Protein backbone atom coordinates (compact mmCIF):
# COMPACT_ATOMS: atom_id res chain seq x y z
CA MET A 1 10.58 115.25 35.69
CA THR A 2 11.96 118.05 33.48
CA GLY A 3 14.88 118.47 31.13
CA ARG A 4 14.48 115.02 29.63
CA VAL A 5 16.23 116.08 26.41
CA GLU A 6 18.21 118.96 27.90
CA GLY A 7 21.00 120.19 25.62
CA LYS A 8 19.92 118.07 22.66
CA VAL A 9 19.02 119.30 19.18
CA ALA A 10 16.12 117.74 17.28
CA PHE A 11 15.41 117.89 13.54
CA ILE A 12 11.65 117.67 12.87
CA THR A 13 9.90 117.52 9.50
CA GLY A 14 6.32 118.62 8.95
CA ALA A 15 6.73 121.02 11.87
CA ALA A 16 4.48 123.90 10.79
CA ARG A 17 1.41 122.54 12.57
CA GLY A 18 -0.31 119.40 13.80
CA GLN A 19 1.81 116.62 15.23
CA GLY A 20 5.07 118.16 14.00
CA ARG A 21 4.43 121.43 15.80
CA SER A 22 3.41 119.54 18.92
CA HIS A 23 6.63 117.48 18.79
CA ALA A 24 8.73 120.64 18.43
CA VAL A 25 7.08 122.35 21.37
CA ARG A 26 7.10 119.29 23.60
CA LEU A 27 10.79 118.57 23.00
CA ALA A 28 11.59 122.25 23.53
CA GLN A 29 9.70 122.19 26.84
CA GLU A 30 12.07 119.42 27.90
CA GLY A 31 15.21 121.27 26.90
CA ALA A 32 15.86 120.64 23.20
CA ASP A 33 16.67 123.16 20.48
CA ILE A 34 14.84 122.56 17.21
CA ILE A 35 15.51 122.44 13.48
CA ALA A 36 12.02 122.64 11.97
CA VAL A 37 11.10 122.22 8.32
CA ASP A 38 7.82 122.13 6.43
CA VAL A 39 6.74 122.51 2.81
CA CYS A 40 4.40 125.41 3.73
CA LYS A 41 2.37 125.25 0.52
CA PRO A 42 -0.30 123.10 -1.13
CA VAL A 43 0.59 119.57 -2.19
CA SER A 44 -1.12 118.13 -5.25
CA GLY A 45 -3.76 115.55 -4.38
CA THR A 46 -4.53 116.88 -0.91
CA ASP A 47 -6.93 119.62 -1.94
CA LEU A 48 -9.48 118.86 0.78
CA ILE A 49 -6.89 119.40 3.53
CA PRO A 50 -5.90 123.05 4.08
CA ALA A 51 -2.20 123.48 3.29
CA SER A 52 0.34 124.56 5.88
CA THR A 53 1.68 128.09 5.41
CA PRO A 54 4.78 130.12 6.23
CA ASP A 55 2.73 131.76 8.98
CA ASP A 56 2.09 128.33 10.50
CA LEU A 57 5.83 127.61 10.62
CA ALA A 58 6.47 131.06 12.10
CA GLU A 59 3.91 130.30 14.80
CA THR A 60 5.71 127.05 15.61
CA ALA A 61 8.94 129.05 15.92
CA ASP A 62 7.29 131.52 18.29
CA LEU A 63 5.93 128.69 20.44
CA VAL A 64 9.36 127.08 20.69
CA LYS A 65 11.01 130.41 21.51
CA SER A 66 8.45 130.99 24.26
CA THR A 67 9.92 127.95 26.06
CA GLY A 68 13.32 129.62 26.06
CA ARG A 69 14.81 127.30 23.44
CA ARG A 70 16.32 128.11 20.04
CA ILE A 71 14.84 127.15 16.69
CA VAL A 72 15.97 127.25 13.05
CA THR A 73 13.28 126.93 10.37
CA ALA A 74 13.23 126.27 6.63
CA GLU A 75 10.55 125.78 3.99
CA VAL A 76 11.48 122.49 2.37
CA ASP A 77 9.68 119.64 0.58
CA VAL A 78 10.89 116.30 1.97
CA ARG A 79 10.90 114.94 -1.58
CA ASP A 80 13.76 117.32 -2.46
CA PHE A 81 16.91 115.84 -0.96
CA GLU A 82 19.47 118.57 -1.61
CA PRO A 83 17.44 121.45 -0.10
CA LEU A 84 16.53 119.15 2.79
CA LYS A 85 20.17 118.34 3.46
CA ALA A 86 21.10 122.01 3.19
CA ALA A 87 18.46 122.91 5.78
CA VAL A 88 19.74 120.27 8.21
CA ASP A 89 23.37 121.24 7.70
CA SER A 90 22.58 124.93 8.22
CA GLY A 91 20.61 124.15 11.37
CA VAL A 92 23.44 122.06 12.79
CA GLU A 93 25.92 124.81 11.99
CA GLN A 94 23.79 127.34 13.88
CA LEU A 95 22.83 125.14 16.83
CA GLY A 96 26.05 123.19 17.14
CA ARG A 97 24.95 119.55 17.04
CA LEU A 98 22.21 117.07 16.20
CA ASP A 99 20.89 114.32 18.47
CA VAL A 100 17.35 113.50 17.37
CA ILE A 101 15.61 113.04 14.03
CA VAL A 102 11.80 113.04 13.93
CA ALA A 103 10.70 112.19 10.37
CA ASN A 104 7.09 113.25 10.78
CA ALA A 105 6.04 114.96 7.53
CA GLY A 106 3.22 113.21 5.74
CA ILE A 107 -0.04 113.55 3.86
CA GLY A 108 -3.33 111.72 4.01
CA ASN A 109 -6.00 111.20 1.39
CA GLY A 110 -8.22 108.41 0.23
CA GLY A 111 -11.54 107.44 -1.21
CA GLU A 112 -10.55 105.03 -3.98
CA THR A 113 -9.76 101.33 -3.94
CA LEU A 114 -6.26 100.46 -5.11
CA ASP A 115 -7.45 99.19 -8.48
CA LYS A 116 -9.03 102.58 -9.21
CA LEU A 117 -6.33 104.78 -7.67
CA GLY A 118 -4.66 107.26 -10.03
CA GLU A 119 -0.93 106.95 -10.64
CA GLN A 120 -0.28 110.55 -9.56
CA ASP A 121 -1.99 109.96 -6.21
CA TRP A 122 0.17 106.86 -5.70
CA GLU A 123 3.40 108.65 -6.65
CA THR A 124 2.67 111.62 -4.39
CA MET A 125 1.80 109.44 -1.42
CA ILE A 126 4.86 107.21 -1.74
CA GLY A 127 7.07 110.20 -2.52
CA ILE A 128 6.16 112.03 0.70
CA ASN A 129 5.12 109.36 3.20
CA LEU A 130 7.82 106.80 2.38
CA ALA A 131 10.61 108.22 0.23
CA GLY A 132 10.40 111.51 2.14
CA VAL A 133 11.01 109.65 5.41
CA TRP A 134 14.04 107.93 3.91
CA LYS A 135 15.39 111.21 2.53
CA SER A 136 14.87 112.97 5.87
CA VAL A 137 16.95 110.38 7.70
CA LYS A 138 19.51 110.20 4.89
CA ALA A 139 19.96 113.98 5.00
CA ALA A 140 20.43 114.19 8.77
CA VAL A 141 21.97 110.93 9.94
CA PRO A 142 25.59 111.77 9.03
CA HIS A 143 25.55 114.20 11.95
CA LEU A 144 24.42 111.44 14.33
CA ILE A 145 27.01 109.03 12.96
CA SER A 146 29.72 111.66 13.51
CA ALA A 147 28.53 112.15 17.09
CA GLY A 148 28.43 108.40 17.72
CA SER A 149 24.92 108.38 19.16
CA GLY A 150 21.36 109.55 18.60
CA SER A 151 17.70 108.68 18.35
CA ILE A 152 15.54 108.54 15.23
CA VAL A 153 11.74 108.45 15.41
CA LEU A 154 9.71 107.77 12.27
CA THR A 155 6.02 108.62 12.12
CA SER A 156 4.03 105.72 10.74
CA SER A 157 0.38 105.04 11.63
CA VAL A 158 -1.93 102.31 12.80
CA GLY A 159 -2.24 102.03 9.02
CA GLY A 160 1.34 100.82 9.12
CA LEU A 161 0.29 97.85 11.25
CA LYS A 162 -3.10 96.96 9.78
CA ALA A 163 -5.05 97.67 6.62
CA TYR A 164 -8.04 99.89 5.96
CA PRO A 165 -10.09 100.05 2.75
CA ASN A 166 -9.92 102.96 0.31
CA THR A 167 -6.54 104.15 1.61
CA GLY A 168 -4.29 101.46 0.17
CA HIS A 169 -1.54 103.83 -0.99
CA TYR A 170 -1.38 105.33 2.52
CA VAL A 171 -1.37 101.88 4.11
CA ALA A 172 1.41 100.73 1.76
CA ALA A 173 3.55 103.79 2.53
CA LYS A 174 3.07 103.51 6.28
CA HIS A 175 3.87 99.78 6.24
CA GLY A 176 6.99 100.73 4.31
CA VAL A 177 8.00 103.11 7.10
CA VAL A 178 8.15 100.11 9.45
CA GLY A 179 10.55 98.43 7.06
CA LEU A 180 12.69 101.57 6.92
CA MET A 181 12.69 101.77 10.71
CA ARG A 182 13.84 98.19 11.16
CA ALA A 183 16.48 98.40 8.44
CA PHE A 184 17.87 101.67 9.80
CA ALA A 185 17.89 100.20 13.32
CA VAL A 186 19.98 97.24 12.15
CA GLU A 187 22.35 99.36 10.07
CA LEU A 188 22.86 102.20 12.56
CA GLY A 189 23.03 100.23 15.80
CA GLU A 190 26.82 99.98 15.60
CA HIS A 191 26.92 103.79 15.92
CA SER A 192 24.75 103.70 19.08
CA ILE A 193 21.90 105.21 17.08
CA ARG A 194 18.45 103.96 18.00
CA VAL A 195 15.58 103.91 15.49
CA ASN A 196 11.90 103.43 16.37
CA SER A 197 8.51 104.31 14.93
CA VAL A 198 5.30 105.71 16.40
CA HIS A 199 1.91 104.57 15.16
CA PRO A 200 -0.85 107.07 15.90
CA THR A 201 -4.52 106.38 15.47
CA ASN A 202 -6.79 109.30 14.54
CA VAL A 203 -5.25 112.55 15.82
CA ASN A 204 -6.98 115.89 16.31
CA THR A 205 -5.06 117.76 13.61
CA PRO A 206 -5.99 119.33 10.24
CA MET A 207 -4.94 116.13 8.45
CA PHE A 208 -7.72 114.24 10.24
CA MET A 209 -10.25 116.96 11.08
CA ASN A 210 -11.19 117.92 7.55
CA GLU A 211 -14.04 117.58 5.10
CA GLY A 212 -12.49 114.73 3.14
CA THR A 213 -11.92 112.54 6.19
CA MET A 214 -15.37 113.24 7.57
CA LYS A 215 -16.97 112.21 4.28
CA LEU A 216 -14.79 109.09 4.19
CA PHE A 217 -16.15 108.09 7.60
CA ARG A 218 -19.75 109.19 6.86
CA PRO A 219 -20.41 108.85 3.12
CA ASP A 220 -24.12 108.69 3.94
CA LEU A 221 -24.16 112.38 4.92
CA GLU A 222 -23.75 115.37 2.62
CA ASN A 223 -21.92 117.63 5.09
CA PRO A 224 -20.80 115.58 8.11
CA GLY A 225 -19.12 117.26 11.08
CA PRO A 226 -17.06 115.97 14.02
CA ALA A 227 -20.16 115.00 15.99
CA ASP A 228 -21.36 112.91 13.04
CA PHE A 229 -18.23 110.82 12.58
CA GLU A 230 -17.11 110.57 16.21
CA PRO A 231 -19.28 107.47 16.91
CA VAL A 232 -17.79 105.73 13.86
CA ALA A 233 -14.28 106.76 14.89
CA LYS A 234 -14.88 105.42 18.42
CA PHE A 235 -15.72 102.03 16.93
CA MET A 236 -12.11 101.78 15.75
CA HIS A 237 -10.81 101.75 19.33
CA VAL A 238 -10.91 99.73 22.53
CA LEU A 239 -10.81 102.87 24.66
CA PRO A 240 -13.97 105.00 24.31
CA VAL A 241 -12.47 107.86 22.24
CA GLY A 242 -12.71 108.79 18.59
CA TRP A 243 -9.29 110.37 18.40
CA VAL A 244 -6.30 111.40 20.47
CA GLU A 245 -4.54 114.76 20.84
CA PRO A 246 -1.19 115.67 19.20
CA VAL A 247 0.53 115.84 22.59
CA ASP A 248 -0.29 112.17 23.16
CA ILE A 249 1.96 111.33 20.21
CA SER A 250 4.52 113.92 21.28
CA ASN A 251 4.88 112.29 24.68
CA ALA A 252 5.76 109.01 22.95
CA VAL A 253 8.25 110.81 20.69
CA LEU A 254 9.79 112.48 23.75
CA PHE A 255 10.24 109.13 25.47
CA LEU A 256 11.91 107.62 22.41
CA ALA A 257 14.12 110.70 21.98
CA SER A 258 15.23 110.70 25.61
CA ASP A 259 17.81 108.56 27.36
CA GLU A 260 14.95 106.85 29.21
CA SER A 261 14.66 104.62 26.15
CA ARG A 262 18.42 104.19 25.69
CA TYR A 263 18.19 100.47 24.95
CA ILE A 264 14.98 100.54 22.93
CA THR A 265 15.45 100.22 19.17
CA GLY A 266 13.58 98.63 16.29
CA VAL A 267 10.22 99.04 18.05
CA PRO A 268 6.90 100.05 16.43
CA LEU A 269 5.10 101.90 19.26
CA PRO A 270 1.33 102.29 18.83
CA VAL A 271 -0.43 105.28 20.37
CA ASP A 272 -3.78 104.05 19.23
CA ALA A 273 -6.36 103.76 22.02
CA GLY A 274 -6.30 100.01 21.38
CA SER A 275 -7.02 100.22 17.65
CA THR A 276 -4.55 97.46 16.79
CA LEU A 277 -6.49 95.09 19.08
CA LYS A 278 -9.55 95.27 16.84
């Protein structure tokens, strides 16, 4: 089956690399044009995770173009509503419409219990992973309302369905995304706009495959690598894998963006190798 989102336009945040890039390419492969945004610079409090760059976003654009689809890009922080809205509006003006919103941008860090967490770490996490999701939808949804249809996919996490220690601010934000998803689904249903969330487990991207995460999983080792923390990561799952690939999440996003899911709304969809069963 091809052309599952043929002729549609998708707005994707956090699209410079990782899951966001994968979503952009996968939707383009199935016929969608893309509006792609990313902050493309370091974010305070995520020093152990290499920052996305303008070159990363340019590479995403090249990958989308190689499928034969169009793409409009912008360097925007999802915490900044007016530039975010301007980027969406410009993209719609150039591409002619908007059908899909994928609010994917997010950060990950941890290491402290909630009672020891610094206020700046809390504010940054909530600002990007929760408020940024709200602002992304707020900026783009008028175009879907005007069209009288559309699909919105919010990136949460298995951490939005269950708790883990030492990442309480992340867990709180990702649980909040579920609340946003359900509220948006109720409010936008009358416009034939569907709203769902995806809940990835560990994904093979820079946000997971980094020094900070590896030390979080293996604090007993000074310089752990993927082979050191894979057995611990496998323990999180029912299926015998430590992590999944970005395209595994993208395939779920594609399904929710396509008309195949035309009567599915308000659903938290785990892509978690059975993590939520444990």
